[in-house]
Amino acid sequence: VRRRGLGVLPWTPEAQKLRQRVQFLRALTGGEALWPDWSDAALLATLEDWLAGWLNGMSRLTHLQRLDMAQVLNSLLSYEAQTRLREWAPETYRVPSGSQVPIDYSAPECPVLAVKLQELFGLTQTPCIAAGQVPLLLHLLSPARRPVQITRALAGFWAGSYAEVKKELKGRYPKHPWPDNPLTAAPTRWTKPR
């Protein structure tokens, strides 16, 4: 693994997301001891510490595919860290429509929530994580799931840009609700009933 690099390990999307969430909290807390450094360089430098115990009985490179990298990484976190990870860097965020929308931590300095703007009707404040310390970067999506606005100021969007977005998209997506006042409208993930 040291010779060929971390790419030979079976990094599932779940394991990659776990790494990203921990790296986000590590950056947020200034490298607090609770959060190990899971950068490629740090993982390669400490292979014997975290990976060796999982390699018993493995003698071929193909045997590495049996590893559950999310489980391997999770075992490196204390119970306290696992609990705080769930609370401060959740995998998903529940939006007003009731949907659980995944949070993208691939850029640790600004986690992203990509959600259809109709699902946020009635929400006045930008959603935050890390005990309210970090506002999510919102990618407000059209019904075709394309970003129409990227913002950290949801209230400002409703008060300003929403009118332009509504004007532009209402004719293109008539089956979707485009209320005059999105703050009093019911959030929805569905089209308007017939």
C-alpha atoms as a PDB file:
ATOM      1  CA  VAL A   1       0.000   0.000   0.000  1.00  0.00           C
ATOM      2  CA  ARG A   2       2.852   2.361   0.818  1.00  0.00           C
ATOM      3  CA  ARG A   3       4.484   1.654  -2.549  1.00  0.00           C
ATOM      4  CA  ARG A   4       1.318   1.834  -4.672  1.00  0.00           C
ATOM      5  CA  GLY A   5      -0.554   4.510  -2.717  1.00  0.00           C
ATOM      6  CA  LEU A   6      -3.913   4.733  -0.953  1.00  0.00           C
ATOM      7  CA  GLY A   7      -5.713   4.245  -4.272  1.00  0.00           C
ATOM      8  CA  VAL A   8      -5.295   0.457  -3.960  1.00  0.00           C
ATOM      9  CA  LEU A   9      -7.649   0.469  -0.962  1.00  0.00           C
ATOM     10  CA  PRO A  10     -11.400   0.090  -1.636  1.00  0.00           C
ATOM     11  CA  TRP A  11     -12.548   3.648  -0.917  1.00  0.00           C
ATOM     12  CA  THR A  12     -16.327   3.521  -1.072  1.00  0.00           C
ATOM     13  CA  PRO A  13     -18.343   6.754  -1.296  1.00  0.00           C
ATOM     14  CA  GLU A  14     -19.312   6.172   2.367  1.00  0.00           C
ATOM     15  CA  ALA A  15     -15.640   6.005   3.428  1.00  0.00           C
ATOM     16  CA  GLN A  16     -14.747   9.092   1.377  1.00  0.00           C
ATOM     17  CA  LYS A  17     -17.621  11.061   2.919  1.00  0.00           C
ATOM     18  CA  LEU A  18     -16.514  10.001   6.411  1.00  0.00           C
ATOM     19  CA  ARG A  19     -13.001  11.253   5.672  1.00  0.00           C
ATOM     20  CA  GLN A  20     -14.375  14.557   4.381  1.00  0.00           C
ATOM     21  CA  ARG A  21     -16.598  15.087   7.432  1.00  0.00           C
ATOM     22  CA  VAL A  22     -13.694  14.460   9.817  1.00  0.00           C
ATOM     23  CA  GLN A  23     -11.411  16.750   7.796  1.00  0.00           C
ATOM     24  CA  PHE A  24     -14.127  19.459   7.975  1.00  0.00           C
ATOM     25  CA  LEU A  25     -14.266  19.215  11.782  1.00  0.00           C
ATOM     26  CA  ARG A  26     -10.476  19.082  12.015  1.00  0.00           C
ATOM     27  CA  ALA A  27     -10.248  22.323  10.018  1.00  0.00           C
ATOM     28  CA  LEU A  28     -13.074  23.926  12.026  1.00  0.00           C
ATOM     29  CA  THR A  29     -11.496  23.132  15.403  1.00  0.00           C
ATOM     30  CA  GLY A  30      -7.938  23.977  14.407  1.00  0.00           C
ATOM     31  CA  GLY A  31      -6.697  20.380  14.483  1.00  0.00           C
ATOM     32  CA  GLU A  32      -8.263  19.412  17.825  1.00  0.00           C
ATOM     33  CA  ALA A  33      -6.902  16.043  19.015  1.00  0.00           C
ATOM     34  CA  LEU A  34     -10.382  14.505  18.768  1.00  0.00           C
ATOM     35  CA  TRP A  35     -10.094  14.674  14.963  1.00  0.00           C
ATOM     36  CA  PRO A  36      -7.256  12.666  13.374  1.00  0.00           C
ATOM     37  CA  ASP A  37      -5.507  13.918  10.267  1.00  0.00           C
ATOM     38  CA  TRP A  38      -6.879  11.751   7.456  1.00  0.00           C
ATOM     39  CA  SER A  39      -5.125  13.510   4.604  1.00  0.00           C
ATOM     40  CA  ASP A  40      -3.440  11.173   2.112  1.00  0.00           C
ATOM     41  CA  ALA A  41       0.031  12.109   3.398  1.00  0.00           C
ATOM     42  CA  ALA A  42      -0.884  11.485   7.049  1.00  0.00           C
ATOM     43  CA  LEU A  43      -2.598   8.163   6.324  1.00  0.00           C
ATOM     44  CA  LEU A  44       0.368   6.943   4.273  1.00  0.00           C
ATOM     45  CA  ALA A  45       2.841   7.992   6.971  1.00  0.00           C
ATOM     46  CA  THR A  46       0.957   6.075   9.685  1.00  0.00           C
ATOM     47  CA  LEU A  47      -0.138   2.925   7.793  1.00  0.00           C
ATOM     48  CA  GLU A  48       1.214   0.579  10.478  1.00  0.00           C
ATOM     49  CA  ASP A  49      -0.825   2.339  13.178  1.00  0.00           C
ATOM     50  CA  TRP A  50      -4.250   2.241  11.582  1.00  0.00           C
ATOM     51  CA  LEU A  51      -4.220  -0.395   8.824  1.00  0.00           C
ATOM     52  CA  ALA A  52      -1.867  -3.198   9.881  1.00  0.00           C
ATOM     53  CA  GLY A  53      -4.357  -4.855  12.249  1.00  0.00           C
ATOM     54  CA  TRP A  54      -6.906  -5.187   9.449  1.00  0.00           C
ATOM     55  CA  LEU A  55      -4.540  -7.010   7.103  1.00  0.00           C
ATOM     56  CA  ASN A  56      -4.322 -10.352   8.943  1.00  0.00           C
ATOM     57  CA  GLY A  57      -4.595 -13.215   6.473  1.00  0.00           C
ATOM     58  CA  MET A  58      -4.219 -10.959   3.443  1.00  0.00           C
ATOM     59  CA  SER A  59      -1.340 -11.878   1.185  1.00  0.00           C
ATOM     60  CA  ARG A  60      -2.409 -10.483  -2.193  1.00  0.00           C
ATOM     61  CA  LEU A  61      -3.300  -7.051  -3.427  1.00  0.00           C
ATOM     62  CA  THR A  62      -6.749  -8.326  -4.451  1.00  0.00           C
ATOM     63  CA  HIS A  63      -7.447  -9.298  -0.823  1.00  0.00           C
ATOM     64  CA  LEU A  64      -7.554  -5.603   0.054  1.00  0.00           C
ATOM     65  CA  GLN A  65     -10.953  -5.402  -1.655  1.00  0.00           C
ATOM     66  CA  ARG A  66     -12.415  -7.222   1.369  1.00  0.00           C
ATOM     67  CA  LEU A  67     -11.708  -4.217   3.589  1.00  0.00           C
ATOM     68  CA  ASP A  68     -14.586  -1.998   4.678  1.00  0.00           C
ATOM     69  CA  MET A  69     -12.748   1.314   4.741  1.00  0.00           C
ATOM     70  CA  ALA A  70     -15.610   3.152   6.464  1.00  0.00           C
ATOM     71  CA  GLN A  71     -15.442   0.601   9.287  1.00  0.00           C
ATOM     72  CA  VAL A  72     -11.633   0.855   9.422  1.00  0.00           C
ATOM     73  CA  LEU A  73     -11.790   4.648   9.738  1.00  0.00           C
ATOM     74  CA  ASN A  74     -14.696   4.611  12.175  1.00  0.00           C
ATOM     75  CA  SER A  75     -12.708   2.332  14.480  1.00  0.00           C
ATOM     76  CA  LEU A  76     -10.096   5.096  14.781  1.00  0.00           C
ATOM     77  CA  LEU A  77     -12.616   7.500  16.314  1.00  0.00           C
ATOM     78  CA  SER A  78     -13.489   7.525  20.007  1.00  0.00           C
ATOM     79  CA  TYR A  79     -17.121   7.188  21.076  1.00  0.00           C
ATOM     80  CA  GLU A  80     -17.118  10.916  21.896  1.00  0.00           C
ATOM     81  CA  ALA A  81     -15.796  11.756  18.423  1.00  0.00           C
ATOM     82  CA  GLN A  82     -18.388   9.539  16.706  1.00  0.00           C
ATOM     83  CA  THR A  83     -21.176  11.213  18.681  1.00  0.00           C
ATOM     84  CA  ARG A  84     -19.934  14.733  17.956  1.00  0.00           C
ATOM     85  CA  LEU A  85     -19.415  13.825  14.282  1.00  0.00           C
ATOM     86  CA  ARG A  86     -23.093  12.848  13.966  1.00  0.00           C
ATOM     87  CA  GLU A  87     -24.203  16.041  15.731  1.00  0.00           C
ATOM     88  CA  TRP A  88     -21.799  18.602  14.257  1.00  0.00           C
ATOM     89  CA  ALA A  89     -21.213  17.213  10.759  1.00  0.00           C
ATOM     90  CA  PRO A  90     -24.355  15.260   9.856  1.00  0.00           C
ATOM     91  CA  GLU A  91     -24.495  13.321   6.612  1.00  0.00           C
ATOM     92  CA  THR A  92     -27.839  14.903   5.693  1.00  0.00           C
ATOM     93  CA  TYR A  93     -29.931  17.941   6.543  1.00  0.00           C
ATOM     94  CA  ARG A  94     -33.713  17.775   6.950  1.00  0.00           C
ATOM     95  CA  VAL A  95     -35.224  20.607   4.881  1.00  0.00           C
ATOM     96  CA  PRO A  96     -38.715  22.090   5.498  1.00  0.00           C
ATOM     97  CA  SER A  97     -40.306  19.806   2.880  1.00  0.00           C
ATOM     98  CA  GLY A  98     -39.271  16.807   4.989  1.00  0.00           C
ATOM     99  CA  SER A  99     -36.563  15.544   2.611  1.00  0.00           C
ATOM    100  CA  GLN A 100     -33.216  14.440   4.024  1.00  0.00           C
ATOM    101  CA  VAL A 101     -30.755  16.147   1.670  1.00  0.00           C
ATOM    102  CA  PRO A 102     -27.094  15.011   1.652  1.00  0.00           C
ATOM    103  CA  ILE A 103     -24.460  17.566   2.653  1.00  0.00           C
ATOM    104  CA  ASP A 104     -21.349  17.706   0.476  1.00  0.00           C
ATOM    105  CA  TYR A 105     -18.160  18.116   2.549  1.00  0.00           C
ATOM    106  CA  SER A 106     -15.708  17.760  -0.357  1.00  0.00           C
ATOM    107  CA  ALA A 107     -14.584  21.363   0.249  1.00  0.00           C
ATOM    108  CA  PRO A 108     -14.051  21.381   4.051  1.00  0.00           C
ATOM    109  CA  GLU A 109     -14.130  25.174   4.280  1.00  0.00           C
ATOM    110  CA  CYS A 110     -17.698  25.403   2.932  1.00  0.00           C
ATOM    111  CA  PRO A 111     -20.047  22.399   3.105  1.00  0.00           C
ATOM    112  CA  VAL A 112     -22.735  22.499   0.404  1.00  0.00           C
ATOM    113  CA  LEU A 113     -26.440  21.724   0.538  1.00  0.00           C
ATOM    114  CA  ALA A 114     -27.882  21.347  -2.988  1.00  0.00           C
ATOM    115  CA  VAL A 115     -31.678  21.446  -2.784  1.00  0.00           C
ATOM    116  CA  LYS A 116     -34.676  22.412  -4.951  1.00  0.00           C
ATOM    117  CA  LEU A 117     -35.698  25.900  -3.902  1.00  0.00           C
ATOM    118  CA  GLN A 118     -39.371  24.834  -3.525  1.00  0.00           C
ATOM    119  CA  GLU A 119     -38.285  22.575  -0.652  1.00  0.00           C
ATOM    120  CA  LEU A 120     -37.104  25.630   1.316  1.00  0.00           C
ATOM    121  CA  PHE A 121     -40.282  27.729   1.143  1.00  0.00           C
ATOM    122  CA  GLY A 122     -40.983  29.231   4.551  1.00  0.00           C
ATOM    123  CA  LEU A 123     -37.376  28.986   5.753  1.00  0.00           C
ATOM    124  CA  THR A 124     -36.015  32.422   6.636  1.00  0.00           C
ATOM    125  CA  GLN A 125     -32.536  31.576   7.910  1.00  0.00           C
ATOM    126  CA  THR A 126     -29.706  29.778   6.169  1.00  0.00           C
ATOM    127  CA  PRO A 127     -29.311  26.228   7.579  1.00  0.00           C
ATOM    128  CA  CYS A 128     -26.252  25.813   9.822  1.00  0.00           C
ATOM    129  CA  ILE A 129     -24.233  22.875  11.143  1.00  0.00           C
ATOM    130  CA  ALA A 130     -21.513  22.485  13.809  1.00  0.00           C
ATOM    131  CA  ALA A 131     -23.804  23.671  16.610  1.00  0.00           C
ATOM    132  CA  GLY A 132     -24.887  26.681  14.530  1.00  0.00           C
ATOM    133  CA  GLN A 133     -21.331  27.862  13.798  1.00  0.00           C
ATOM    134  CA  VAL A 134     -21.165  27.109  10.064  1.00  0.00           C
ATOM    135  CA  PRO A 135     -23.826  28.209   7.566  1.00  0.00           C
ATOM    136  CA  LEU A 136     -24.206  25.802   4.671  1.00  0.00           C
ATOM    137  CA  LEU A 137     -23.499  27.073   1.167  1.00  0.00           C
ATOM    138  CA  LEU A 138     -26.869  26.646  -0.543  1.00  0.00           C
ATOM    139  CA  HIS A 139     -27.051  25.560  -4.156  1.00  0.00           C
ATOM    140  CA  LEU A 140     -30.680  26.397  -4.875  1.00  0.00           C
ATOM    141  CA  LEU A 141     -31.818  24.139  -7.693  1.00  0.00           C
ATOM    142  CA  SER A 142     -34.425  24.477 -10.401  1.00  0.00           C
ATOM    143  CA  PRO A 143     -36.946  21.639 -10.888  1.00  0.00           C
ATOM    144  CA  ALA A 144     -34.429  20.231 -13.422  1.00  0.00           C
ATOM    145  CA  ARG A 145     -31.895  20.074 -10.520  1.00  0.00           C
ATOM    146  CA  ARG A 146     -29.643  22.795 -11.991  1.00  0.00           C
ATOM    147  CA  PRO A 147     -28.294  25.556  -9.703  1.00  0.00           C
ATOM    148  CA  VAL A 148     -30.161  28.840 -10.157  1.00  0.00           C
ATOM    149  CA  GLN A 149     -28.541  30.588  -7.186  1.00  0.00           C
ATOM    150  CA  ILE A 150     -25.604  29.909  -4.874  1.00  0.00           C
ATOM    151  CA  THR A 151     -25.859  31.696  -1.548  1.00  0.00           C
ATOM    152  CA  ARG A 152     -25.213  31.689   2.186  1.00  0.00           C
ATOM    153  CA  ALA A 153     -27.879  34.370   2.700  1.00  0.00           C
ATOM    154  CA  LEU A 154     -31.254  32.701   2.181  1.00  0.00           C
ATOM    155  CA  ALA A 155     -33.236  35.674   3.531  1.00  0.00           C
ATOM    156  CA  GLY A 156     -31.470  37.930   1.021  1.00  0.00           C
ATOM    157  CA  PHE A 157     -32.321  35.534  -1.812  1.00  0.00           C
ATOM    158  CA  TRP A 158     -36.027  35.516  -0.919  1.00  0.00           C
ATOM    159  CA  ALA A 159     -36.054  39.338  -0.622  1.00  0.00           C
ATOM    160  CA  GLY A 160     -34.083  39.985  -3.801  1.00  0.00           C
ATOM    161  CA  SER A 161     -33.109  37.432  -6.450  1.00  0.00           C
ATOM    162  CA  TYR A 162     -36.139  35.148  -5.995  1.00  0.00           C
ATOM    163  CA  ALA A 163     -38.388  37.474  -8.027  1.00  0.00           C
ATOM    164  CA  GLU A 164     -36.002  37.258 -11.013  1.00  0.00           C
ATOM    165  CA  VAL A 165     -35.600  33.491 -10.702  1.00  0.00           C
ATOM    166  CA  LYS A 166     -39.384  33.073 -10.479  1.00  0.00           C
ATOM    167  CA  LYS A 167     -39.901  35.285 -13.547  1.00  0.00           C
ATOM    168  CA  GLU A 168     -37.351  33.304 -15.538  1.00  0.00           C
ATOM    169  CA  LEU A 169     -38.424  29.778 -14.529  1.00  0.00           C
ATOM    170  CA  LYS A 170     -42.199  29.988 -13.975  1.00  0.00           C
ATOM    171  CA  GLY A 171     -42.961  29.636 -17.703  1.00  0.00           C
ATOM    172  CA  ARG A 172     -40.434  26.841 -18.132  1.00  0.00           C
ATOM    173  CA  TYR A 173     -41.718  24.829 -15.139  1.00  0.00           C
ATOM    174  CA  PRO A 174     -45.439  25.658 -14.816  1.00  0.00           C
ATOM    175  CA  LYS A 175     -46.247  22.480 -12.872  1.00  0.00           C
ATOM    176  CA  HIS A 176     -44.096  23.663  -9.960  1.00  0.00           C
ATOM    177  CA  PRO A 177     -45.227  26.250  -7.412  1.00  0.00           C
ATOM    178  CA  TRP A 178     -43.820  29.794  -7.755  1.00  0.00           C
ATOM    179  CA  PRO A 179     -45.615  31.773  -5.020  1.00  0.00           C
ATOM    180  CA  ASP A 180     -45.363  35.544  -4.768  1.00  0.00           C
ATOM    181  CA  ASN A 181     -44.376  35.212  -1.097  1.00  0.00           C
ATOM    182  CA  PRO A 182     -42.147  32.143  -0.610  1.00  0.00           C
ATOM    183  CA  LEU A 183     -41.904  32.816   3.127  1.00  0.00           C
ATOM    184  CA  THR A 184     -45.586  31.976   3.679  1.00  0.00           C
ATOM    185  CA  ALA A 185     -45.823  29.177   1.081  1.00  0.00           C
ATOM    186  CA  ALA A 186     -45.797  25.515   2.095  1.00  0.00           C
ATOM    187  CA  PRO A 187     -42.516  23.781   1.215  1.00  0.00           C
ATOM    188  CA  THR A 188     -42.855  20.918  -1.237  1.00  0.00           C
ATOM    189  CA  ARG A 189     -40.845  18.456  -3.267  1.00  0.00           C
ATOM    190  CA  TRP A 190     -43.783  17.729  -5.577  1.00  0.00           C
ATOM    191  CA  THR A 191     -45.430  19.473  -8.503  1.00  0.00           C
ATOM    192  CA  LYS A 192     -48.775  21.257  -8.130  1.00  0.00           C
ATOM    193  CA  PRO A 193     -51.802  18.922  -7.975  1.00  0.00           C
ATOM    194  CA  ARG A 194     -53.965  18.834 -11.103  1.00  0.00           C
END
